[in-house]
Amino acid sequence: MAAAPPGPGFSTTVEALRLREWQLGPGQPTLVMDQFSADDFNLVVDDRADVHVNSKDGIFYLGWFPSGRPGTDGEGWKIAVTGTAKVRGYQMSFDTETPANVVAAAVARVLETSRQV
């Protein structure tokens, strides 16, 4: 006996359709900044009150721009890891309204991928 082909549309449950509450707003930037130690990272606060963190070896960079990064459309966070001669680096950005705990999770994962040599 062959099974009937699925009909149009999709199948779900009432539970799956319930509304969720999502965190919105920038939150507390200390969730991000508290991940950096003075032993391994430099921190600079500039005249605009933007915060710049870089690793002592200069490969990792994090910028926090509470009022938006100059020259961008609302970029609030910038993370960059410099590559090598053989492997490209990468970067990611988050806007000023991205919850800090989301940025903190991304930073934590980036830091977990690093190792001392």
C-alpha atoms as a PDB file:
ATOM      1  CA  MET A   1       0.000   0.000   0.000  1.00  0.00           C
ATOM      2  CA  ALA A   2       1.487   3.380  -1.024  1.00  0.00           C
ATOM      3  CA  ALA A   3       1.314   6.410   1.236  1.00  0.00           C
ATOM      4  CA  ALA A   4      -0.729   9.354   0.041  1.00  0.00           C
ATOM      5  CA  PRO A   5       1.366  12.291  -1.195  1.00  0.00           C
ATOM      6  CA  PRO A   6       1.482  15.224   1.193  1.00  0.00           C
ATOM      7  CA  GLY A   7      -1.115  17.910   0.566  1.00  0.00           C
ATOM      8  CA  PRO A   8      -0.467  21.595  -0.010  1.00  0.00           C
ATOM      9  CA  GLY A   9       0.563  23.822   2.881  1.00  0.00           C
ATOM     10  CA  PHE A  10       2.479  22.810   5.962  1.00  0.00           C
ATOM     11  CA  SER A  11       1.844  20.941   9.146  1.00  0.00           C
ATOM     12  CA  THR A  12       2.428  22.404  12.593  1.00  0.00           C
ATOM     13  CA  THR A  13       1.084  22.334  16.128  1.00  0.00           C
ATOM     14  CA  VAL A  14      -0.656  24.936  18.239  1.00  0.00           C
ATOM     15  CA  GLU A  15       2.359  24.892  20.578  1.00  0.00           C
ATOM     16  CA  ALA A  16       4.699  25.849  17.724  1.00  0.00           C
ATOM     17  CA  LEU A  17       2.492  28.828  16.855  1.00  0.00           C
ATOM     18  CA  ARG A  18       2.438  30.360  20.331  1.00  0.00           C
ATOM     19  CA  LEU A  19       3.901  33.837  20.574  1.00  0.00           C
ATOM     20  CA  ARG A  20       7.415  34.222  21.896  1.00  0.00           C
ATOM     21  CA  GLU A  21       8.984  37.095  23.740  1.00  0.00           C
ATOM     22  CA  TRP A  22      12.218  38.324  22.164  1.00  0.00           C
ATOM     23  CA  GLN A  23      14.872  40.464  23.794  1.00  0.00           C
ATOM     24  CA  LEU A  24      15.165  43.836  22.121  1.00  0.00           C
ATOM     25  CA  GLY A  25      17.352  46.856  22.802  1.00  0.00           C
ATOM     26  CA  PRO A  26      21.076  47.160  23.337  1.00  0.00           C
ATOM     27  CA  GLY A  27      21.254  45.874  26.909  1.00  0.00           C
ATOM     28  CA  GLN A  28      24.432  46.086  28.974  1.00  0.00           C
ATOM     29  CA  PRO A  29      27.720  46.366  27.037  1.00  0.00           C
ATOM     30  CA  THR A  30      29.601  45.147  30.112  1.00  0.00           C
ATOM     31  CA  LEU A  31      28.446  41.638  29.120  1.00  0.00           C
ATOM     32  CA  VAL A  32      30.805  41.998  26.158  1.00  0.00           C
ATOM     33  CA  MET A  33      33.616  44.012  27.742  1.00  0.00           C
ATOM     34  CA  ASP A  34      33.949  41.827  30.844  1.00  0.00           C
ATOM     35  CA  GLN A  35      35.320  39.027  28.645  1.00  0.00           C
ATOM     36  CA  PHE A  36      38.640  40.828  28.125  1.00  0.00           C
ATOM     37  CA  SER A  37      41.567  40.800  30.538  1.00  0.00           C
ATOM     38  CA  ALA A  38      44.209  43.518  30.746  1.00  0.00           C
ATOM     39  CA  ASP A  39      46.852  40.783  30.440  1.00  0.00           C
ATOM     40  CA  ASP A  40      45.815  39.857  26.894  1.00  0.00           C
ATOM     41  CA  PHE A  41      43.968  42.911  25.539  1.00  0.00           C
ATOM     42  CA  ASN A  42      44.344  46.679  25.246  1.00  0.00           C
ATOM     43  CA  LEU A  43      41.316  48.907  25.829  1.00  0.00           C
ATOM     44  CA  VAL A  44      41.010  52.498  24.618  1.00  0.00           C
ATOM     45  CA  VAL A  45      38.102  54.903  25.053  1.00  0.00           C
ATOM     46  CA  ASP A  46      38.315  57.710  22.497  1.00  0.00           C
ATOM     47  CA  ASP A  47      37.000  61.284  22.563  1.00  0.00           C
ATOM     48  CA  ARG A  48      33.597  60.160  21.195  1.00  0.00           C
ATOM     49  CA  ALA A  49      33.271  57.615  24.049  1.00  0.00           C
ATOM     50  CA  ASP A  50      33.691  54.776  21.543  1.00  0.00           C
ATOM     51  CA  VAL A  51      35.484  51.773  23.014  1.00  0.00           C
ATOM     52  CA  HIS A  52      38.218  49.889  21.154  1.00  0.00           C
ATOM     53  CA  VAL A  53      39.647  46.568  22.319  1.00  0.00           C
ATOM     54  CA  ASN A  54      42.487  44.788  20.581  1.00  0.00           C
ATOM     55  CA  SER A  55      44.565  41.764  21.408  1.00  0.00           C
ATOM     56  CA  LYS A  56      48.169  42.397  22.383  1.00  0.00           C
ATOM     57  CA  ASP A  57      49.259  40.673  19.148  1.00  0.00           C
ATOM     58  CA  GLY A  58      47.001  42.989  17.110  1.00  0.00           C
ATOM     59  CA  ILE A  59      45.049  40.174  15.433  1.00  0.00           C
ATOM     60  CA  PHE A  60      41.700  40.620  17.223  1.00  0.00           C
ATOM     61  CA  TYR A  61      39.751  43.898  17.269  1.00  0.00           C
ATOM     62  CA  LEU A  62      36.419  44.837  18.838  1.00  0.00           C
ATOM     63  CA  GLY A  63      34.890  48.276  18.526  1.00  0.00           C
ATOM     64  CA  TRP A  64      31.797  49.451  20.388  1.00  0.00           C
ATOM     65  CA  PHE A  65      30.185  52.587  19.003  1.00  0.00           C
ATOM     66  CA  PRO A  66      27.214  53.537  21.243  1.00  0.00           C
ATOM     67  CA  SER A  67      26.104  56.338  18.893  1.00  0.00           C
ATOM     68  CA  GLY A  68      26.946  54.446  15.712  1.00  0.00           C
ATOM     69  CA  ARG A  69      30.257  53.999  13.948  1.00  0.00           C
ATOM     70  CA  PRO A  70      31.161  57.076  11.893  1.00  0.00           C
ATOM     71  CA  GLY A  71      30.588  56.557   8.185  1.00  0.00           C
ATOM     72  CA  THR A  72      28.149  53.653   8.665  1.00  0.00           C
ATOM     73  CA  ASP A  73      24.407  53.288   8.930  1.00  0.00           C
ATOM     74  CA  GLY A  74      23.981  52.470  12.627  1.00  0.00           C
ATOM     75  CA  GLU A  75      26.841  50.001  13.072  1.00  0.00           C
ATOM     76  CA  GLY A  76      27.273  49.647  16.830  1.00  0.00           C
ATOM     77  CA  TRP A  77      29.729  46.763  17.140  1.00  0.00           C
ATOM     78  CA  LYS A  78      32.603  45.682  14.912  1.00  0.00           C
ATOM     79  CA  ILE A  79      34.567  42.472  15.412  1.00  0.00           C
ATOM     80  CA  ALA A  80      37.542  41.690  13.190  1.00  0.00           C
ATOM     81  CA  VAL A  81      40.177  38.975  13.163  1.00  0.00           C
ATOM     82  CA  THR A  82      43.161  39.555  10.885  1.00  0.00           C
ATOM     83  CA  GLY A  83      44.166  36.691   8.634  1.00  0.00           C
ATOM     84  CA  THR A  84      47.574  35.399   7.623  1.00  0.00           C
ATOM     85  CA  ALA A  85      49.415  35.266   4.319  1.00  0.00           C
ATOM     86  CA  LYS A  86      47.667  31.950   3.606  1.00  0.00           C
ATOM     87  CA  VAL A  87      44.262  32.257   5.327  1.00  0.00           C
ATOM     88  CA  ARG A  88      41.889  35.212   5.084  1.00  0.00           C
ATOM     89  CA  GLY A  89      40.632  36.875   8.237  1.00  0.00           C
ATOM     90  CA  TYR A  90      37.019  37.764   8.900  1.00  0.00           C
ATOM     91  CA  GLN A  91      34.832  40.451  10.369  1.00  0.00           C
ATOM     92  CA  MET A  92      31.291  40.880  11.599  1.00  0.00           C
ATOM     93  CA  SER A  93      29.146  43.822  12.566  1.00  0.00           C
ATOM     94  CA  PHE A  94      26.076  44.372  14.705  1.00  0.00           C
ATOM     95  CA  ASP A  95      23.906  47.468  14.805  1.00  0.00           C
ATOM     96  CA  THR A  96      23.515  49.728  17.825  1.00  0.00           C
ATOM     97  CA  GLU A  97      20.272  48.022  18.896  1.00  0.00           C
ATOM     98  CA  THR A  98      21.621  44.461  18.875  1.00  0.00           C
ATOM     99  CA  PRO A  99      21.298  43.076  22.414  1.00  0.00           C
ATOM    100  CA  ALA A 100      24.692  43.026  24.130  1.00  0.00           C
ATOM    101  CA  ASN A 101      24.238  39.398  25.190  1.00  0.00           C
ATOM    102  CA  VAL A 102      23.995  38.400  21.502  1.00  0.00           C
ATOM    103  CA  VAL A 103      27.253  40.246  20.777  1.00  0.00           C
ATOM    104  CA  ALA A 104      28.778  38.723  23.936  1.00  0.00           C
ATOM    105  CA  ALA A 105      27.934  35.230  22.680  1.00  0.00           C
ATOM    106  CA  ALA A 106      29.613  35.953  19.334  1.00  0.00           C
ATOM    107  CA  VAL A 107      32.699  37.362  21.066  1.00  0.00           C
ATOM    108  CA  ALA A 108      32.868  34.351  23.397  1.00  0.00           C
ATOM    109  CA  ARG A 109      32.871  31.970  20.408  1.00  0.00           C
ATOM    110  CA  VAL A 110      35.585  33.980  18.654  1.00  0.00           C
ATOM    111  CA  LEU A 111      37.727  33.993  21.801  1.00  0.00           C
ATOM    112  CA  GLU A 112      37.201  30.234  22.214  1.00  0.00           C
ATOM    113  CA  THR A 113      38.747  29.692  18.780  1.00  0.00           C
ATOM    114  CA  SER A 114      41.972  31.450  19.788  1.00  0.00           C
ATOM    115  CA  ARG A 115      44.899  29.727  21.420  1.00  0.00           C
ATOM    116  CA  GLN A 116      48.210  30.909  22.767  1.00  0.00           C
ATOM    117  CA  VAL A 117      51.242  29.896  20.739  1.00  0.00           C
END
